[in-house]
């Protein structure tokens, strides 16, 4: 095989695709609230920061669990 041809997985090997998640949306909402709160109202910034941190931690934990479930070699 030449270096220009893409390598394909062997027949029967499954590709891993993550499932749908709400965490990316919550991270975006938290960031928006944080930035809007910094400009206008501090309580909104605190709520945005808490939402941003909580959803980021949840997203990272979920991704870590998914990586642990993958078979070796992926």
PDB file of N, CA and C in Angstrom:
ATOM      1  N   UNK A   1       0.846  -1.164   0.000  1.00  0.00           N
ATOM      2  CA  UNK A   1       0.000   0.000   0.000  1.00  0.00           C
ATOM      3  C   UNK A   1       0.900   1.239   0.000  1.00  0.00           C
ATOM      4  N   UNK A   2       0.540   2.226  -0.794  1.00  0.00           N
ATOM      5  CA  UNK A   2       1.339   3.450  -0.854  1.00  0.00           C
ATOM      6  C   UNK A   2       1.015   4.350   0.326  1.00  0.00           C
ATOM      7  N   UNK A   3       1.834   5.338   0.558  1.00  0.00           N
ATOM      8  CA  UNK A   3       1.633   6.253   1.665  1.00  0.00           C
ATOM      9  C   UNK A   3       0.456   7.192   1.461  1.00  0.00           C
ATOM     10  N   UNK A   4      -0.085   7.256   0.248  1.00  0.00           N
ATOM     11  CA  UNK A   4      -1.196   8.163  -0.024  1.00  0.00           C
ATOM     12  C   UNK A   4      -2.556   7.540   0.227  1.00  0.00           C
ATOM     13  N   UNK A   5      -2.620   6.217   0.286  1.00  0.00           N
ATOM     14  CA  UNK A   5      -3.908   5.558   0.499  1.00  0.00           C
ATOM     15  C   UNK A   5      -4.260   5.577   1.983  1.00  0.00           C
ATOM     16  N   UNK A   6      -5.494   5.957   2.297  1.00  0.00           N
ATOM     17  CA  UNK A   6      -5.883   5.968   3.705  1.00  0.00           C
ATOM     18  C   UNK A   6      -6.015   4.545   4.247  1.00  0.00           C
ATOM     19  N   UNK A   7      -5.693   4.371   5.499  1.00  0.00           N
ATOM     20  CA  UNK A   7      -5.863   3.057   6.104  1.00  0.00           C
ATOM     21  C   UNK A   7      -7.300   2.933   6.576  1.00  0.00           C
ATOM     22  N   UNK A   8      -7.868   1.788   6.318  1.00  0.00           N
ATOM     23  CA  UNK A   8      -9.243   1.543   6.739  1.00  0.00           C
ATOM     24  C   UNK A   8      -9.240   0.484   7.822  1.00  0.00           C
ATOM     25  N   UNK A   9     -10.212   0.552   8.733  1.00  0.00           N
ATOM     26  CA  UNK A   9     -10.254  -0.467   9.776  1.00  0.00           C
ATOM     27  C   UNK A   9     -10.599  -1.824   9.180  1.00  0.00           C
ATOM     28  N   UNK A  10     -10.147  -2.900   9.829  1.00  0.00           N
ATOM     29  CA  UNK A  10     -10.471  -4.230   9.323  1.00  0.00           C
ATOM     30  C   UNK A  10     -11.986  -4.477   9.332  1.00  0.00           C
ATOM     31  N   UNK A  11     -12.403  -5.396   8.495  1.00  0.00           N
ATOM     32  CA  UNK A  11     -13.820  -5.726   8.410  1.00  0.00           C
ATOM     33  C   UNK A  11     -14.300  -6.227   9.766  1.00  0.00           C
ATOM     34  N   UNK A  12     -15.422  -5.713  10.203  1.00  0.00           N
ATOM     35  CA  UNK A  12     -15.994  -6.137  11.475  1.00  0.00           C
ATOM     36  C   UNK A  12     -15.597  -5.248  12.638  1.00  0.00           C
ATOM     37  N   UNK A  13     -14.631  -4.366  12.450  1.00  0.00           N
ATOM     38  CA  UNK A  13     -14.239  -3.464  13.533  1.00  0.00           C
ATOM     39  C   UNK A  13     -15.218  -2.299  13.580  1.00  0.00           C
ATOM     40  N   UNK A  14     -15.637  -1.956  14.785  1.00  0.00           N
ATOM     41  CA  UNK A  14     -16.606  -0.886  14.941  1.00  0.00           C
ATOM     42  C   UNK A  14     -15.910   0.452  15.135  1.00  0.00           C
ATOM     43  N   UNK A  15     -16.514   1.494  14.596  1.00  0.00           N
ATOM     44  CA  UNK A  15     -16.044   2.849  14.817  1.00  0.00           C
ATOM     45  C   UNK A  15     -16.785   3.415  16.019  1.00  0.00           C
ATOM     46  N   UNK A  16     -16.070   4.110  16.864  1.00  0.00           N
ATOM     47  CA  UNK A  16     -16.698   4.689  18.050  1.00  0.00           C
ATOM     48  C   UNK A  16     -17.151   6.110  17.760  1.00  0.00           C
ATOM     49  N   UNK A  17     -18.435   6.357  17.937  1.00  0.00           N
ATOM     50  CA  UNK A  17     -18.993   7.700  17.835  1.00  0.00           C
ATOM     51  C   UNK A  17     -19.672   8.025  19.158  1.00  0.00           C
ATOM     52  N   UNK A  18     -19.356   9.153  19.758  1.00  0.00           N
ATOM     53  CA  UNK A  18     -20.005   9.493  21.020  1.00  0.00           C
ATOM     54  C   UNK A  18     -21.486   9.780  20.799  1.00  0.00           C
ATOM     55  N   UNK A  19     -22.263   9.497  21.812  1.00  0.00           N
ATOM     56  CA  UNK A  19     -23.697   9.742  21.738  1.00  0.00           C
ATOM     57  C   UNK A  19     -24.015  11.218  21.923  1.00  0.00           C
ATOM     58  N   UNK A  20     -25.283  11.566  21.758  1.00  0.00           N
ATOM     59  CA  UNK A  20     -25.660  12.963  21.946  1.00  0.00           C
ATOM     60  C   UNK A  20     -25.484  13.377  23.412  1.00  0.00           C
ATOM     61  N   UNK A  21     -25.145  14.632  23.627  1.00  0.00           N
ATOM     62  CA  UNK A  21     -24.912  15.116  24.984  1.00  0.00           C
ATOM     63  C   UNK A  21     -25.394  16.552  25.110  1.00  0.00           C
ATOM     64  N   UNK A  22     -25.847  16.898  26.298  1.00  0.00           N
ATOM     65  CA  UNK A  22     -26.310  18.250  26.580  1.00  0.00           C
ATOM     66  C   UNK A  22     -25.177  19.115  27.131  1.00  0.00           C
ATOM     67  N   UNK A  23     -24.097  18.491  27.578  1.00  0.00           N
ATOM     68  CA  UNK A  23     -23.004  19.220  28.226  1.00  0.00           C
ATOM     69  C   UNK A  23     -22.414  20.334  27.362  1.00  0.00           C
ATOM     70  N   UNK A  24     -22.165  20.136  26.066  1.00  0.00           N
ATOM     71  CA  UNK A  24     -21.619  21.240  25.272  1.00  0.00           C
ATOM     72  C   UNK A  24     -22.542  22.463  25.237  1.00  0.00           C
ATOM     73  N   UNK A  25     -23.830  22.220  25.200  1.00  0.00           N
ATOM     74  CA  UNK A  25     -24.791  23.325  25.203  1.00  0.00           C
ATOM     75  C   UNK A  25     -24.750  24.052  26.544  1.00  0.00           C
ATOM     76  N   UNK A  26     -24.688  23.290  27.641  1.00  0.00           N
ATOM     77  CA  UNK A  26     -24.628  23.908  28.963  1.00  0.00           C
ATOM     78  C   UNK A  26     -23.341  24.692  29.172  1.00  0.00           C
ATOM     79  N   UNK A  27     -22.229  24.202  28.624  1.00  0.00           N
ATOM     80  CA  UNK A  27     -20.969  24.947  28.705  1.00  0.00           C
ATOM     81  C   UNK A  27     -21.119  26.279  27.974  1.00  0.00           C
ATOM     82  N   UNK A  28     -21.718  26.253  26.797  1.00  0.00           N
ATOM     83  CA  UNK A  28     -21.910  27.487  26.027  1.00  0.00           C
ATOM     84  C   UNK A  28     -22.828  28.464  26.750  1.00  0.00           C
ATOM     85  N   UNK A  29     -23.919  27.967  27.323  1.00  0.00           N
ATOM     86  CA  UNK A  29     -24.844  28.831  28.062  1.00  0.00           C
ATOM     87  C   UNK A  29     -24.156  29.414  29.291  1.00  0.00           C
ATOM     88  N   UNK A  30     -23.400  28.589  29.998  1.00  0.00           N
ATOM     89  CA  UNK A  30     -22.674  29.075  31.165  1.00  0.00           C
ATOM     90  C   UNK A  30     -21.684  30.160  30.803  1.00  0.00           C
ATOM     91  N   UNK A  31     -20.971  29.984  29.698  1.00  0.00           N
ATOM     92  CA  UNK A  31     -20.008  30.986  29.260  1.00  0.00           C
ATOM     93  C   UNK A  31     -20.705  32.295  28.877  1.00  0.00           C
ATOM     94  N   UNK A  32     -21.823  32.189  28.182  1.00  0.00           N
ATOM     95  CA  UNK A  32     -22.582  33.386  27.796  1.00  0.00           C
ATOM     96  C   UNK A  32     -23.074  34.118  29.038  1.00  0.00           C
ATOM     97  N   UNK A  33     -23.636  33.367  30.005  1.00  0.00           N
ATOM     98  CA  UNK A  33     -24.111  34.007  31.232  1.00  0.00           C
ATOM     99  C   UNK A  33     -22.962  34.656  32.000  1.00  0.00           C
ATOM    100  N   UNK A  34     -21.826  33.992  32.042  1.00  0.00           N
ATOM    101  CA  UNK A  34     -20.665  34.553  32.724  1.00  0.00           C
ATOM    102  C   UNK A  34     -20.246  35.875  32.085  1.00  0.00           C
ATOM    103  N   UNK A  35     -20.131  35.893  30.775  1.00  0.00           N
ATOM    104  CA  UNK A  35     -19.703  37.111  30.087  1.00  0.00           C
ATOM    105  C   UNK A  35     -20.747  38.224  30.197  1.00  0.00           C
ATOM    106  N   UNK A  36     -22.023  37.885  30.057  1.00  0.00           N
ATOM    107  CA  UNK A  36     -23.063  38.899  30.222  1.00  0.00           C
ATOM    108  C   UNK A  36     -23.094  39.426  31.652  1.00  0.00           C
ATOM    109  N   UNK A  37     -22.883  38.544  32.609  1.00  0.00           N
ATOM    110  CA  UNK A  37     -22.879  38.963  34.001  1.00  0.00           C
ATOM    111  C   UNK A  37     -21.711  39.868  34.331  1.00  0.00           C
ATOM    112  N   UNK A  38     -20.572  39.625  33.718  1.00  0.00           N
ATOM    113  CA  UNK A  38     -19.420  40.496  33.956  1.00  0.00           C
ATOM    114  C   UNK A  38     -19.676  41.907  33.435  1.00  0.00           C
ATOM    115  N   UNK A  39     -20.468  42.009  32.384  1.00  0.00           N
ATOM    116  CA  UNK A  39     -20.765  43.308  31.799  1.00  0.00           C
ATOM    117  C   UNK A  39     -21.878  44.017  32.571  1.00  0.00           C
ATOM    118  N   UNK A  40     -22.882  43.278  33.036  1.00  0.00           N
ATOM    119  CA  UNK A  40     -24.081  43.918  33.577  1.00  0.00           C
ATOM    120  C   UNK A  40     -24.316  43.630  35.056  1.00  0.00           C
ATOM    121  N   UNK A  41     -24.542  42.370  35.412  1.00  0.00           N
ATOM    122  CA  UNK A  41     -24.933  42.021  36.782  1.00  0.00           C
ATOM    123  C   UNK A  41     -24.072  40.885  37.319  1.00  0.00           C
ATOM    124  N   UNK A  42     -23.462  41.086  38.483  1.00  0.00           N
ATOM    125  CA  UNK A  42     -22.585  40.088  39.088  1.00  0.00           C
ATOM    126  C   UNK A  42     -23.288  38.780  39.439  1.00  0.00           C
ATOM    127  N   UNK A  43     -24.540  38.797  39.937  1.00  0.00           N
ATOM    128  CA  UNK A  43     -25.177  37.499  40.239  1.00  0.00           C
ATOM    129  C   UNK A  43     -25.323  36.600  39.012  1.00  0.00           C
ATOM    130  N   UNK A  44     -25.559  37.199  37.875  1.00  0.00           N
ATOM    131  CA  UNK A  44     -25.653  36.417  36.626  1.00  0.00           C
ATOM    132  C   UNK A  44     -24.296  35.808  36.297  1.00  0.00           C
ATOM    133  N   UNK A  45     -23.223  36.551  36.559  1.00  0.00           N
ATOM    134  CA  UNK A  45     -21.870  36.036  36.309  1.00  0.00           C
ATOM    135  C   UNK A  45     -21.572  34.848  37.212  1.00  0.00           C
ATOM    136  N   UNK A  46     -21.997  34.916  38.468  1.00  0.00           N
ATOM    137  CA  UNK A  46     -21.762  33.810  39.396  1.00  0.00           C
ATOM    138  C   UNK A  46     -22.523  32.570  38.951  1.00  0.00           C
ATOM    139  N   UNK A  47     -23.768  32.755  38.546  1.00  0.00           N
ATOM    140  CA  UNK A  47     -24.569  31.624  38.053  1.00  0.00           C
ATOM    141  C   UNK A  47     -23.919  31.031  36.799  1.00  0.00           C
ATOM    142  N   UNK A  48     -23.465  31.884  35.901  1.00  0.00           N
ATOM    143  CA  UNK A  48     -22.809  31.413  34.684  1.00  0.00           C
ATOM    144  C   UNK A  48     -21.534  30.660  34.987  1.00  0.00           C
ATOM    145  N   UNK A  49     -20.749  31.162  35.948  1.00  0.00           N
ATOM    146  CA  UNK A  49     -19.503  30.486  36.320  1.00  0.00           C
ATOM    147  C   UNK A  49     -19.790  29.112  36.919  1.00  0.00           C
ATOM    148  N   UNK A  50     -20.777  29.038  37.804  1.00  0.00           N
ATOM    149  CA  UNK A  50     -21.132  27.749  38.410  1.00  0.00           C
ATOM    150  C   UNK A  50     -21.611  26.757  37.351  1.00  0.00           C
ATOM    151  N   UNK A  51     -22.441  27.229  36.439  1.00  0.00           N
ATOM    152  CA  UNK A  51     -22.934  26.360  35.365  1.00  0.00           C
ATOM    153  C   UNK A  51     -21.793  25.929  34.455  1.00  0.00           C
ATOM    154  N   UNK A  52     -20.893  26.834  34.129  1.00  0.00           N
ATOM    155  CA  UNK A  52     -19.752  26.517  33.273  1.00  0.00           C
ATOM    156  C   UNK A  52     -18.851  25.468  33.911  1.00  0.00           C
ATOM    157  N   UNK A  53     -18.524  25.641  35.176  1.00  0.00           N
ATOM    158  CA  UNK A  53     -17.636  24.698  35.860  1.00  0.00           C
ATOM    159  C   UNK A  53     -18.317  23.333  36.014  1.00  0.00           C
ATOM    160  N   UNK A  54     -19.568  23.330  36.469  1.00  0.00           N
ATOM    161  CA  UNK A  54     -20.279  22.060  36.690  1.00  0.00           C
ATOM    162  C   UNK A  54     -20.448  21.277  35.385  1.00  0.00           C
ATOM    163  N   UNK A  55     -20.845  21.948  34.320  1.00  0.00           N
ATOM    164  CA  UNK A  55     -21.060  21.236  33.057  1.00  0.00           C
ATOM    165  C   UNK A  55     -19.740  20.806  32.431  1.00  0.00           C
ATOM    166  N   UNK A  56     -18.681  21.576  32.622  1.00  0.00           N
ATOM    167  CA  UNK A  56     -17.360  21.175  32.102  1.00  0.00           C
ATOM    168  C   UNK A  56     -16.857  19.922  32.816  1.00  0.00           C
ATOM    169  N   UNK A  57     -16.994  19.898  34.135  1.00  0.00           N
ATOM    170  CA  UNK A  57     -16.574  18.721  34.900  1.00  0.00           C
ATOM    171  C   UNK A  57     -17.384  17.499  34.482  1.00  0.00           C
ATOM    172  N   UNK A  58     -18.689  17.671  34.325  1.00  0.00           N
ATOM    173  CA  UNK A  58     -19.546  16.560  33.900  1.00  0.00           C
ATOM    174  C   UNK A  58     -19.142  16.049  32.520  1.00  0.00           C
ATOM    175  N   UNK A  59     -18.869  16.948  31.614  1.00  0.00           N
ATOM    176  CA  UNK A  59     -18.485  16.585  30.250  1.00  0.00           C
ATOM    177  C   UNK A  59     -17.155  15.829  30.250  1.00  0.00           C
ATOM    178  N   UNK A  60     -16.194  16.294  31.019  1.00  0.00           N
ATOM    179  CA  UNK A  60     -14.884  15.631  31.084  1.00  0.00           C
ATOM    180  C   UNK A  60     -15.012  14.248  31.714  1.00  0.00           C
ATOM    181  N   UNK A  61     -15.790  14.118  32.773  1.00  0.00           N
ATOM    182  CA  UNK A  61     -15.990  12.805  33.404  1.00  0.00           C
ATOM    183  C   UNK A  61     -16.650  11.823  32.442  1.00  0.00           C
ATOM    184  N   UNK A  62     -17.647  12.303  31.715  1.00  0.00           N
ATOM    185  CA  UNK A  62     -18.338  11.432  30.764  1.00  0.00           C
ATOM    186  C   UNK A  62     -17.381  10.982  29.656  1.00  0.00           C
ATOM    187  N   UNK A  63     -16.573  11.894  29.156  1.00  0.00           N
ATOM    188  CA  UNK A  63     -15.602  11.533  28.111  1.00  0.00           C
ATOM    189  C   UNK A  63     -14.572  10.541  28.643  1.00  0.00           C
ATOM    190  N   UNK A  64     -14.159  10.718  29.885  1.00  0.00           N
ATOM    191  CA  UNK A  64     -13.192   9.792  30.491  1.00  0.00           C
ATOM    192  C   UNK A  64     -13.788   8.387  30.617  1.00  0.00           C
ATOM    193  N   UNK A  65     -15.051   8.308  31.038  1.00  0.00           N
ATOM    194  CA  UNK A  65     -15.727   6.999  31.132  1.00  0.00           C
ATOM    195  C   UNK A  65     -15.812   6.335  29.765  1.00  0.00           C
ATOM    196  N   UNK A  66     -16.148   7.120  28.726  1.00  0.00           N
ATOM    197  CA  UNK A  66     -16.225   6.551  27.374  1.00  0.00           C
ATOM    198  C   UNK A  66     -14.873   6.031  26.910  1.00  0.00           C
ATOM    199  N   UNK A  67     -13.808   6.750  27.210  1.00  0.00           N
ATOM    200  CA  UNK A  67     -12.475   6.287  26.822  1.00  0.00           C
ATOM    201  C   UNK A  67     -12.086   5.011  27.541  1.00  0.00           C
ATOM    202  N   UNK A  68     -12.497   4.875  28.788  1.00  0.00           N
ATOM    203  CA  UNK A  68     -12.166   3.662  29.551  1.00  0.00           C
ATOM    204  C   UNK A  68     -12.919   2.447  28.995  1.00  0.00           C
ATOM    205  N   UNK A  69     -14.071   2.655  28.385  1.00  0.00           N
ATOM    206  CA  UNK A  69     -14.877   1.552  27.859  1.00  0.00           C
ATOM    207  C   UNK A  69     -14.387   1.059  26.502  1.00  0.00           C
ATOM    208  N   UNK A  70     -13.554   1.837  25.826  1.00  0.00           N
ATOM    209  CA  UNK A  70     -13.067   1.424  24.506  1.00  0.00           C
ATOM    210  C   UNK A  70     -12.123   0.223  24.650  1.00  0.00           C
ATOM    211  N   UNK A  71     -12.132  -0.648  23.646  1.00  0.00           N
ATOM    212  CA  UNK A  71     -11.207  -1.777  23.682  1.00  0.00           C
ATOM    213  C   UNK A  71      -9.767  -1.294  23.509  1.00  0.00           C
ATOM    214  N   UNK A  72      -8.818  -2.089  23.959  1.00  0.00           N
ATOM    215  CA  UNK A  72      -7.397  -1.697  23.816  1.00  0.00           C
ATOM    216  C   UNK A  72      -7.033  -1.493  22.344  1.00  0.00           C
ATOM    217  N   UNK A  73      -6.161  -0.544  22.084  1.00  0.00           N
ATOM    218  CA  UNK A  73      -5.726  -0.282  20.728  1.00  0.00           C
ATOM    219  C   UNK A  73      -6.494   0.802  20.027  1.00  0.00           C
ATOM    220  N   UNK A  74      -7.467   1.392  20.689  1.00  0.00           N
ATOM    221  CA  UNK A  74      -8.224   2.478  20.066  1.00  0.00           C
ATOM    222  C   UNK A  74      -7.765   3.783  20.613  1.00  0.00           C
TER     223      UNK A  74
END
